[in-house]
Protein backbone atom coordinates (compact mmCIF):
# COMPACT_ATOMS: atom_id res chain seq x y z
CA UNK A 1 0.00 0.00 0.00
CA UNK A 2 1.54 3.36 -1.07
CA UNK A 3 1.96 6.08 1.57
CA UNK A 4 -0.59 8.34 -0.11
CA UNK A 5 -3.10 5.49 0.04
CA UNK A 6 -2.68 4.83 3.79
CA UNK A 7 -4.11 7.99 5.36
CA UNK A 8 -7.54 7.77 6.96
CA UNK A 9 -9.01 10.79 8.72
CA UNK A 10 -11.42 10.01 11.55
CA UNK A 11 -13.62 12.85 12.74
CA UNK A 12 -13.92 12.50 16.51
CA UNK A 13 -11.64 10.75 18.98
CA UNK A 14 -14.06 9.43 21.60
CA UNK A 15 -14.43 5.78 22.58
CA UNK A 16 -16.17 4.61 19.39
CA UNK A 17 -13.84 6.62 17.14
CA UNK A 18 -10.84 5.30 19.09
CA UNK A 19 -11.97 1.70 18.65
CA UNK A 20 -12.20 2.37 14.92
CA UNK A 21 -8.74 3.97 14.92
CA UNK A 22 -7.24 1.02 16.78
CA UNK A 23 -8.60 -1.52 14.29
CA UNK A 24 -7.60 0.52 11.23
CA UNK A 25 -4.12 1.14 12.68
CA UNK A 26 -3.65 -2.59 13.17
CA UNK A 27 -4.75 -3.08 9.55
CA UNK A 28 -1.91 -0.91 8.24
CA UNK A 29 -3.46 2.56 7.88
CA UNK A 30 -2.02 5.87 9.04
CA UNK A 31 -4.63 7.57 11.21
CA UNK A 32 -5.29 11.27 11.75
CA UNK A 33 -8.11 12.15 14.15
CA UNK A 34 -9.83 15.51 14.65
CA UNK A 35 -11.27 16.78 17.94
CA UNK A 36 -12.71 19.84 19.64
CA UNK A 37 -10.63 21.94 22.04
CA UNK A 38 -12.29 20.51 25.18
CA UNK A 39 -13.37 16.89 24.58
CA UNK A 40 -16.03 15.48 26.92
CA UNK A 41 -15.56 11.73 26.44
CA UNK A 42 -16.15 9.88 29.72
CA UNK A 43 -14.36 6.63 28.79
CA UNK A 44 -11.07 8.50 28.96
CA UNK A 45 -8.88 5.42 29.39
CA UNK A 46 -9.84 4.19 25.91
CA UNK A 47 -10.08 7.55 24.10
CA UNK A 48 -7.39 9.09 21.95
CA UNK A 49 -9.09 12.43 22.68
CA UNK A 50 -7.07 12.48 25.92
CA UNK A 51 -4.10 13.56 23.81
CA UNK A 52 -5.76 16.99 23.61
CA UNK A 53 -5.30 17.39 27.38
CA UNK A 54 -2.08 15.48 27.93
CA UNK A 55 -0.20 15.67 24.64
CA UNK A 56 -0.20 11.89 24.37
CA UNK A 57 -2.76 9.15 24.87
CA UNK A 58 -2.38 5.39 25.06
CA UNK A 59 -5.21 3.00 24.15
CA UNK A 60 -4.21 -0.62 24.59
CA UNK A 61 -0.99 -1.04 22.56
CA UNK A 62 -1.29 2.11 20.43
CA UNK A 63 -0.24 5.68 21.25
CA UNK A 64 -1.55 8.94 19.86
CA UNK A 65 0.18 12.32 19.83
CA UNK A 66 -1.35 15.78 19.77
CA UNK A 67 -0.10 17.51 16.62
CA UNK A 68 -0.39 21.10 15.39
CA UNK A 69 0.50 20.85 11.71
CA UNK A 70 1.07 18.38 8.91
CA UNK A 71 4.80 18.13 9.64
CA UNK A 72 4.07 16.98 13.18
CA UNK A 73 1.48 14.57 11.79
CA UNK A 74 4.08 12.96 9.55
CA UNK A 75 6.52 12.71 12.45
CA UNK A 76 3.83 11.00 14.53
CA UNK A 77 3.35 8.47 11.72
CA UNK A 78 7.11 7.92 11.56
CA UNK A 79 7.00 7.07 15.27
CA UNK A 80 4.12 4.64 14.58
CA UNK A 81 1.65 6.81 16.44
CA UNK A 82 -1.80 8.13 15.64
CA UNK A 83 -2.03 11.91 15.08
CA UNK A 84 -4.70 13.94 16.88
CA UNK A 85 -5.53 17.48 15.74
CA UNK A 86 -7.64 20.08 17.51
CA UNK A 87 -9.52 20.69 14.29
CA UNK A 88 -13.32 20.85 14.69
CA UNK A 89 -13.77 21.75 11.02
CA UNK A 90 -11.56 18.85 9.87
CA UNK A 91 -9.47 21.16 7.68
CA UNK A 92 -6.81 18.43 7.48
CA UNK A 93 -9.08 16.67 4.97
CA UNK A 94 -8.74 19.57 2.53
CA UNK A 95 -5.01 20.03 3.10
CA UNK A 96 -3.95 16.41 2.86
CA UNK A 97 -6.32 14.29 0.78
CA UNK A 98 -6.92 10.98 2.62
CA UNK A 99 -7.97 7.73 1.06
CA UNK A 100 -10.95 7.65 3.42
CA UNK A 101 -12.87 9.85 5.85
CA UNK A 102 -14.81 8.33 8.73
CA UNK A 103 -17.28 10.55 10.58
CA UNK A 104 -17.40 9.10 14.10
CA UNK A 105 -18.31 12.29 15.96
CA UNK A 106 -21.48 10.51 17.16
CA UNK A 107 -23.48 13.76 16.98
CA UNK A 108 -26.60 11.85 15.84
CA UNK A 109 -26.61 14.14 12.80
CA UNK A 110 -24.30 15.07 9.94
CA UNK A 111 -22.28 18.11 10.99
CA UNK A 112 -20.63 18.70 7.62
CA UNK A 113 -19.38 15.44 6.09
CA UNK A 114 -19.84 15.18 2.31
CA UNK A 115 -19.54 12.37 -0.21
CA UNK A 116 -16.84 14.41 -1.96
CA UNK A 117 -14.52 14.59 1.09
CA UNK A 118 -12.49 11.54 0.01
CA UNK A 119 -12.61 8.56 -2.35
CA UNK A 120 -14.27 6.63 0.50
CA UNK A 121 -16.53 8.27 3.08
CA UNK A 122 -18.12 6.28 5.92
CA UNK A 123 -20.76 7.62 8.31
CA UNK A 124 -21.01 6.09 11.77
CA UNK A 125 -24.46 5.95 13.37
CA UNK A 126 -27.59 8.05 12.79
CA UNK A 127 -27.53 11.19 10.68
CA UNK A 128 -26.05 9.81 7.46
CA UNK A 129 -27.63 8.33 4.35
CA UNK A 130 -25.67 5.89 2.20
CA UNK A 131 -25.30 7.20 -1.34
CA UNK A 132 -26.18 10.76 -0.30
CA UNK A 133 -23.49 12.02 2.08
CA UNK A 134 -21.33 8.88 2.30
CA UNK A 135 -20.85 5.57 0.52
CA UNK A 136 -21.81 3.49 3.53
CA UNK A 137 -23.21 3.82 7.04
CA UNK A 138 -22.25 1.61 9.97
CA UNK A 139 -24.96 0.68 12.48
CA UNK A 140 -24.20 1.69 16.08
CA UNK A 141 -27.30 0.50 17.93
CA UNK A 142 -26.78 -2.60 20.05
CA UNK A 143 -28.59 -5.64 18.75
CA UNK A 144 -28.60 -7.94 15.76
CA UNK A 145 -27.40 -5.29 13.27
CA UNK A 146 -24.63 -3.70 15.38
CA UNK A 147 -21.56 -3.07 13.22
CA UNK A 148 -23.33 -3.87 9.95
CA UNK A 149 -22.26 -1.87 6.88
CA UNK A 150 -25.37 -0.37 5.28
CA UNK A 151 -25.19 0.32 1.57
CA UNK A 152 -28.63 1.93 1.43
CA UNK A 153 -30.57 4.09 3.84
CA UNK A 154 -29.56 5.17 7.33
CA UNK A 155 -28.72 3.73 10.73
CA UNK A 156 -31.49 3.23 13.28
CA UNK A 157 -32.52 6.51 14.96
CA UNK A 158 -31.19 7.44 18.36
CA UNK A 159 -33.62 6.60 21.17
CA UNK A 160 -31.78 8.52 23.88
CA UNK A 161 -31.68 5.35 25.98
CA UNK A 162 -28.27 3.67 26.36
CA UNK A 163 -27.96 -0.01 25.56
CA UNK A 164 -28.54 -2.46 28.40
CA UNK A 165 -25.47 -3.75 30.23
CA UNK A 166 -26.03 -6.24 33.00
CA UNK A 167 -29.75 -5.46 32.81
CA UNK A 168 -29.28 -1.70 33.38
CA UNK A 169 -29.73 1.17 30.92
CA UNK A 170 -30.12 4.76 32.14
CA UNK A 171 -29.32 3.74 35.74
CA UNK A 172 -25.68 3.12 34.88
CA UNK A 173 -25.08 6.70 33.74
CA UNK A 174 -23.79 9.49 35.94
CA UNK A 175 -25.24 12.90 35.06
CA UNK A 176 -24.40 16.37 36.32
CA UNK A 177 -27.05 17.70 38.70
CA UNK A 178 -26.22 21.35 38.07
CA UNK A 179 -24.23 23.73 35.91
CA UNK A 180 -20.68 24.24 37.16
CA UNK A 181 -17.22 22.69 37.38
CA UNK A 182 -16.91 18.91 37.58
CA UNK A 183 -14.78 17.31 40.29
CA UNK A 184 -14.09 13.57 40.57
CA UNK A 185 -14.68 11.83 43.91
CA UNK A 186 -13.61 8.41 42.60
CA UNK A 187 -11.39 7.20 39.77
CA UNK A 188 -12.01 5.09 36.69
CA UNK A 189 -11.63 1.47 37.76
CA UNK A 190 -12.91 2.04 41.30
CA UNK A 191 -15.74 -0.05 42.72
CA UNK A 192 -18.80 1.84 43.98
CA UNK A 193 -22.01 0.94 45.75
CA UNK A 194 -25.46 2.37 45.07
CA UNK A 195 -25.67 5.72 46.82
CA UNK A 196 -21.93 6.44 46.83
CA UNK A 197 -20.85 9.94 45.79
CA UNK A 198 -18.98 9.54 42.51
CA UNK A 199 -18.39 13.22 41.79
CA UNK A 200 -19.36 16.80 42.67
CA UNK A 201 -20.37 19.80 40.60
CA UNK A 202 -19.08 23.00 42.19
CA UNK A 203 -19.99 26.55 41.27
CA UNK A 204 -16.31 27.29 40.65
CA UNK A 205 -13.08 25.33 40.49
CA UNK A 206 -11.74 24.65 43.96
CA UNK A 207 -14.87 26.02 45.61
CA UNK A 208 -16.57 24.56 48.64
CA UNK A 209 -19.81 22.63 48.77
CA UNK A 210 -21.14 21.40 45.48
CA UNK A 211 -23.92 19.22 44.13
CA UNK A 212 -23.10 15.51 44.55
CA UNK A 213 -23.54 12.97 41.77
CA UNK A 214 -24.60 9.64 43.26
CA UNK A 215 -24.12 6.16 41.85
CA UNK A 216 -27.53 4.66 41.10
CA UNK A 217 -26.19 1.10 40.92
CA UNK A 218 -23.27 -0.90 42.26
CA UNK A 219 -20.39 -1.64 39.90
CA UNK A 220 -17.08 -0.43 38.50
CA UNK A 221 -16.61 3.16 37.35
CA UNK A 222 -15.91 2.62 33.65
CA UNK A 223 -15.97 6.27 32.58
CA UNK A 224 -15.72 9.67 34.24
CA UNK A 225 -15.10 13.21 33.07
CA UNK A 226 -11.83 14.81 34.19
CA UNK A 227 -11.86 17.24 37.11
CA UNK A 228 -11.98 20.88 36.12
CA UNK A 229 -14.19 20.56 33.06
CA UNK A 230 -17.31 22.72 32.80
CA UNK A 231 -20.59 20.82 32.78
CA UNK A 232 -24.25 21.64 32.38
CA UNK A 233 -27.18 20.15 34.27
CA UNK A 234 -28.13 16.74 32.86
CA UNK A 235 -24.85 16.30 30.96
CA UNK A 236 -23.40 12.79 30.88
CA UNK A 237 -20.52 12.76 33.33
CA UNK A 238 -19.73 9.07 33.86
CA UNK A 239 -20.63 5.44 33.40
CA UNK A 240 -20.87 2.54 35.85
CA UNK A 241 -20.47 -1.05 34.65
CA UNK A 242 -22.45 -3.55 36.76
CA UNK A 243 -20.44 -6.49 35.42
CA UNK A 244 -17.57 -5.49 37.75
CA UNK A 245 -14.82 -6.48 35.30
CA UNK A 246 -12.17 -3.87 36.01
CA UNK A 247 -10.15 -4.65 32.87
CA UNK A 248 -13.13 -3.52 30.78
CA UNK A 249 -12.33 0.05 31.84
CA UNK A 250 -8.99 -0.07 30.05
CA UNK A 251 -9.78 -1.95 26.84
CA UNK A 252 -11.87 -1.03 23.81
CA UNK A 253 -15.46 -2.25 24.11
CA UNK A 254 -17.11 -5.02 22.13
CA UNK A 255 -19.43 -2.39 20.65
CA UNK A 256 -16.58 -0.20 19.42
CA UNK A 257 -14.77 -3.16 17.86
CA UNK A 258 -17.94 -4.35 16.11
CA UNK A 259 -18.47 -0.88 14.63
CA UNK A 260 -14.78 -0.73 13.69
CA UNK A 261 -15.19 -3.97 11.75
CA UNK A 262 -17.97 -2.42 9.70
CA UNK A 263 -15.84 0.64 8.98
CA UNK A 264 -12.89 -1.49 7.89
CA UNK A 265 -15.17 -3.52 5.63
CA UNK A 266 -16.47 -0.31 4.06
CA UNK A 267 -13.03 1.15 3.39
CA UNK A 268 -11.76 -2.07 1.80
CA UNK A 269 -14.95 -2.72 -0.13
CA UNK A 270 -15.23 0.75 -1.67
CA UNK A 271 -11.47 1.07 -2.27
CA UNK A 272 -11.52 -2.14 -4.31
CA UNK A 273 -14.55 -0.87 -6.26
CA UNK A 274 -12.73 2.38 -7.09
CA UNK A 275 -9.61 0.50 -8.31
CA UNK A 276 -11.69 -1.82 -10.44
CA UNK A 277 -13.43 1.16 -12.09
CA UNK A 278 -10.21 3.11 -12.77
């Protein structure tokens, strides 16, 4: 595979996007990811978006580096790392034509991805229509069709209810009870009981008091926002896994890997079609 045919740009660097990046990286692609300036992914231990805060992020056996320009991107690739840009508009697509663009922002709508962005364009989840704004759409809803590459139509609509894990849906989420500054009371990987305080929302950083966020079920804290980030009332701030498998906090989920498989299928399938037509 020639160097110019290895670059895939993934819009978003949250847990689903990071699972996609991991699988594509292991399949031989160079990966550039785009993020906003203050990512709010809760599954931080499996998100390349953490590079925005720390300069570097490790997900399983792959590292990502925060880069500021195309030269730094190429150096990241030379070090066998993924490149992460703070680039909400995904300008890197226009500067450095990739073989494929994957929109994994998970916004539940198309925020600007077009069929003309690259030879292969894949939409992840609701908001995209195969043949209109991308070649294929990958289903993200848990169930029989999870990870399936759709060549016509769109993914199932978002219900607003998270998929059941261990028999729990909305109960496993931690949500901010007020507007303010988030502060962790526990860490990812910690065990909690129902009623434990998992975090606080304070009116200002370092302030006293605060509105507690209670665990609604017992389990392992699988995801949690970082302390110091601004939150709004009702915002998702964490995730508790009732299966109590601590290693799940530090490895890419089955859901992300299933979706990643659909994305990889789409890139290979449409790339072969383009070569056969040229």
